Amino acid sequence: MDPLFAEVVITNPHGLHARPAAVMVEKLKAFDAEVRIEAGQKTANAVSIMSVLALGAGPGDTARVHSEGPQAEAALETVVAILTEEE
């Protein structure tokens, strides 16, 4: 199965800081998929809170999300939903 890819502008007012990052990491643990997020010149393993926080991605930044595995589509949709959540 080919990896899936999405490019989104982060509209979540908190960006990928503590709370949304923690929610994302917790939700992704339920999926059989490997997910990476790129922002700027950095890449993070989306199930590592420290890796995600190190991206420093905020509202208005562009994130590229790569997802691979049996549940890649659901995992990708979850990440995109969190990144674009507008509360």
C-alpha atoms as a PDB file:
ATOM      1  CA  MET A   1       0.000   0.000   0.000  1.00  0.00           C
ATOM      2  CA  ASP A   2       1.343   3.429  -0.958  1.00  0.00           C
ATOM      3  CA  PRO A   3       1.804   6.086   1.698  1.00  0.00           C
ATOM      4  CA  LEU A   4      -0.840   8.802   1.895  1.00  0.00           C
ATOM      5  CA  PHE A   5      -0.008  12.502   1.986  1.00  0.00           C
ATOM      6  CA  ALA A   6      -1.775  15.735   2.890  1.00  0.00           C
ATOM      7  CA  GLU A   7      -0.577  19.314   3.039  1.00  0.00           C
ATOM      8  CA  VAL A   8      -2.563  21.606   5.298  1.00  0.00           C
ATOM      9  CA  VAL A   9      -2.352  25.080   6.747  1.00  0.00           C
ATOM     10  CA  ILE A  10      -2.642  24.837  10.513  1.00  0.00           C
ATOM     11  CA  THR A  11      -5.780  26.689  11.592  1.00  0.00           C
ATOM     12  CA  ASN A  12      -5.966  25.278  15.123  1.00  0.00           C
ATOM     13  CA  PRO A  13      -5.438  28.412  17.265  1.00  0.00           C
ATOM     14  CA  HIS A  14      -2.995  26.476  19.476  1.00  0.00           C
ATOM     15  CA  GLY A  15      -0.937  25.166  16.547  1.00  0.00           C
ATOM     16  CA  LEU A  16       0.834  21.952  17.467  1.00  0.00           C
ATOM     17  CA  HIS A  17       1.587  22.942  21.007  1.00  0.00           C
ATOM     18  CA  ALA A  18       0.985  20.961  24.203  1.00  0.00           C
ATOM     19  CA  ARG A  19      -2.750  20.272  24.252  1.00  0.00           C
ATOM     20  CA  PRO A  20      -3.432  19.509  20.556  1.00  0.00           C
ATOM     21  CA  ALA A  21      -0.167  17.577  20.291  1.00  0.00           C
ATOM     22  CA  ALA A  22      -1.080  15.431  23.303  1.00  0.00           C
ATOM     23  CA  VAL A  23      -4.560  14.741  21.896  1.00  0.00           C
ATOM     24  CA  MET A  24      -3.082  13.792  18.527  1.00  0.00           C
ATOM     25  CA  VAL A  25      -0.481  11.443  20.009  1.00  0.00           C
ATOM     26  CA  GLU A  26      -3.102   9.715  22.157  1.00  0.00           C
ATOM     27  CA  LYS A  27      -5.545   9.257  19.257  1.00  0.00           C
ATOM     28  CA  LEU A  28      -2.854   7.961  16.891  1.00  0.00           C
ATOM     29  CA  LYS A  29      -1.899   5.175  19.305  1.00  0.00           C
ATOM     30  CA  ALA A  30      -5.174   3.463  18.336  1.00  0.00           C
ATOM     31  CA  PHE A  31      -4.210   3.174  14.655  1.00  0.00           C
ATOM     32  CA  ASP A  32      -2.000   0.658  12.888  1.00  0.00           C
ATOM     33  CA  ALA A  33      -0.166   3.333  10.924  1.00  0.00           C
ATOM     34  CA  GLU A  34       3.106   5.228  10.897  1.00  0.00           C
ATOM     35  CA  VAL A  35       2.596   8.978  10.673  1.00  0.00           C
ATOM     36  CA  ARG A  36       5.169  11.713  10.118  1.00  0.00           C
ATOM     37  CA  ILE A  37       4.603  15.452  10.161  1.00  0.00           C
ATOM     38  CA  GLU A  38       6.884  17.948   8.447  1.00  0.00           C
ATOM     39  CA  ALA A  39       6.835  21.642   9.255  1.00  0.00           C
ATOM     40  CA  GLY A  40       9.517  23.945   7.956  1.00  0.00           C
ATOM     41  CA  GLN A  41      12.730  21.949   7.782  1.00  0.00           C
ATOM     42  CA  LYS A  42      11.799  19.597  10.654  1.00  0.00           C
ATOM     43  CA  THR A  43      10.157  16.176  10.644  1.00  0.00           C
ATOM     44  CA  ALA A  44       8.417  14.542  13.593  1.00  0.00           C
ATOM     45  CA  ASN A  45       7.171  11.072  14.430  1.00  0.00           C
ATOM     46  CA  ALA A  46       3.517  11.910  15.133  1.00  0.00           C
ATOM     47  CA  VAL A  47       3.263   9.485  18.075  1.00  0.00           C
ATOM     48  CA  SER A  48       6.146  11.117  19.934  1.00  0.00           C
ATOM     49  CA  ILE A  49       4.980  14.122  21.953  1.00  0.00           C
ATOM     50  CA  MET A  50       8.509  15.508  22.236  1.00  0.00           C
ATOM     51  CA  SER A  51       9.088  15.112  18.500  1.00  0.00           C
ATOM     52  CA  VAL A  52       5.803  16.879  17.667  1.00  0.00           C
ATOM     53  CA  LEU A  53       6.456  19.723  20.112  1.00  0.00           C
ATOM     54  CA  ALA A  54       9.966  20.194  18.668  1.00  0.00           C
ATOM     55  CA  LEU A  55       8.389  21.138  15.324  1.00  0.00           C
ATOM     56  CA  GLY A  56       7.282  24.425  16.869  1.00  0.00           C
ATOM     57  CA  ALA A  57       4.443  24.602  14.336  1.00  0.00           C
ATOM     58  CA  GLY A  58       1.857  27.276  14.941  1.00  0.00           C
ATOM     59  CA  PRO A  59      -1.276  28.709  13.376  1.00  0.00           C
ATOM     60  CA  GLY A  60      -0.711  29.718   9.760  1.00  0.00           C
ATOM     61  CA  ASP A  61       2.198  27.313   9.269  1.00  0.00           C
ATOM     62  CA  THR A  62       1.998  24.647   6.585  1.00  0.00           C
ATOM     63  CA  ALA A  63       2.304  21.022   7.691  1.00  0.00           C
ATOM     64  CA  ARG A  64       2.869  18.024   5.451  1.00  0.00           C
ATOM     65  CA  VAL A  65       1.470  14.798   6.872  1.00  0.00           C
ATOM     66  CA  HIS A  66       2.608  11.376   5.643  1.00  0.00           C
ATOM     67  CA  SER A  67       0.775   8.242   6.741  1.00  0.00           C
ATOM     68  CA  GLU A  68       1.526   4.615   5.933  1.00  0.00           C
ATOM     69  CA  GLY A  69       0.103   1.286   7.049  1.00  0.00           C
ATOM     70  CA  PRO A  70      -3.174  -0.635   7.201  1.00  0.00           C
ATOM     71  CA  GLN A  71      -5.025   2.260   8.878  1.00  0.00           C
ATOM     72  CA  ALA A  72      -3.165   5.077   7.125  1.00  0.00           C
ATOM     73  CA  GLU A  73      -6.278   6.824   5.845  1.00  0.00           C
ATOM     74  CA  ALA A  74      -7.987   7.038   9.251  1.00  0.00           C
ATOM     75  CA  ALA A  75      -4.757   8.184  10.911  1.00  0.00           C
ATOM     76  CA  LEU A  76      -4.215  10.869   8.264  1.00  0.00           C
ATOM     77  CA  GLU A  77      -7.799  12.115   8.658  1.00  0.00           C
ATOM     78  CA  THR A  78      -7.327  12.307  12.437  1.00  0.00           C
ATOM     79  CA  VAL A  79      -4.182  14.427  12.164  1.00  0.00           C
ATOM     80  CA  VAL A  80      -5.697  16.750   9.557  1.00  0.00           C
ATOM     81  CA  ALA A  81      -8.800  17.219  11.736  1.00  0.00           C
ATOM     82  CA  ILE A  82      -6.677  18.230  14.727  1.00  0.00           C
ATOM     83  CA  LEU A  83      -4.479  20.581  12.693  1.00  0.00           C
ATOM     84  CA  THR A  84      -7.484  22.333  11.184  1.00  0.00           C
ATOM     85  CA  GLU A  85      -9.754  22.357  14.240  1.00  0.00           C
ATOM     86  CA  GLU A  86     -10.877  25.913  14.904  1.00  0.00           C
ATOM     87  CA  GLU A  87     -12.505  25.380  18.328  1.00  0.00           C
END
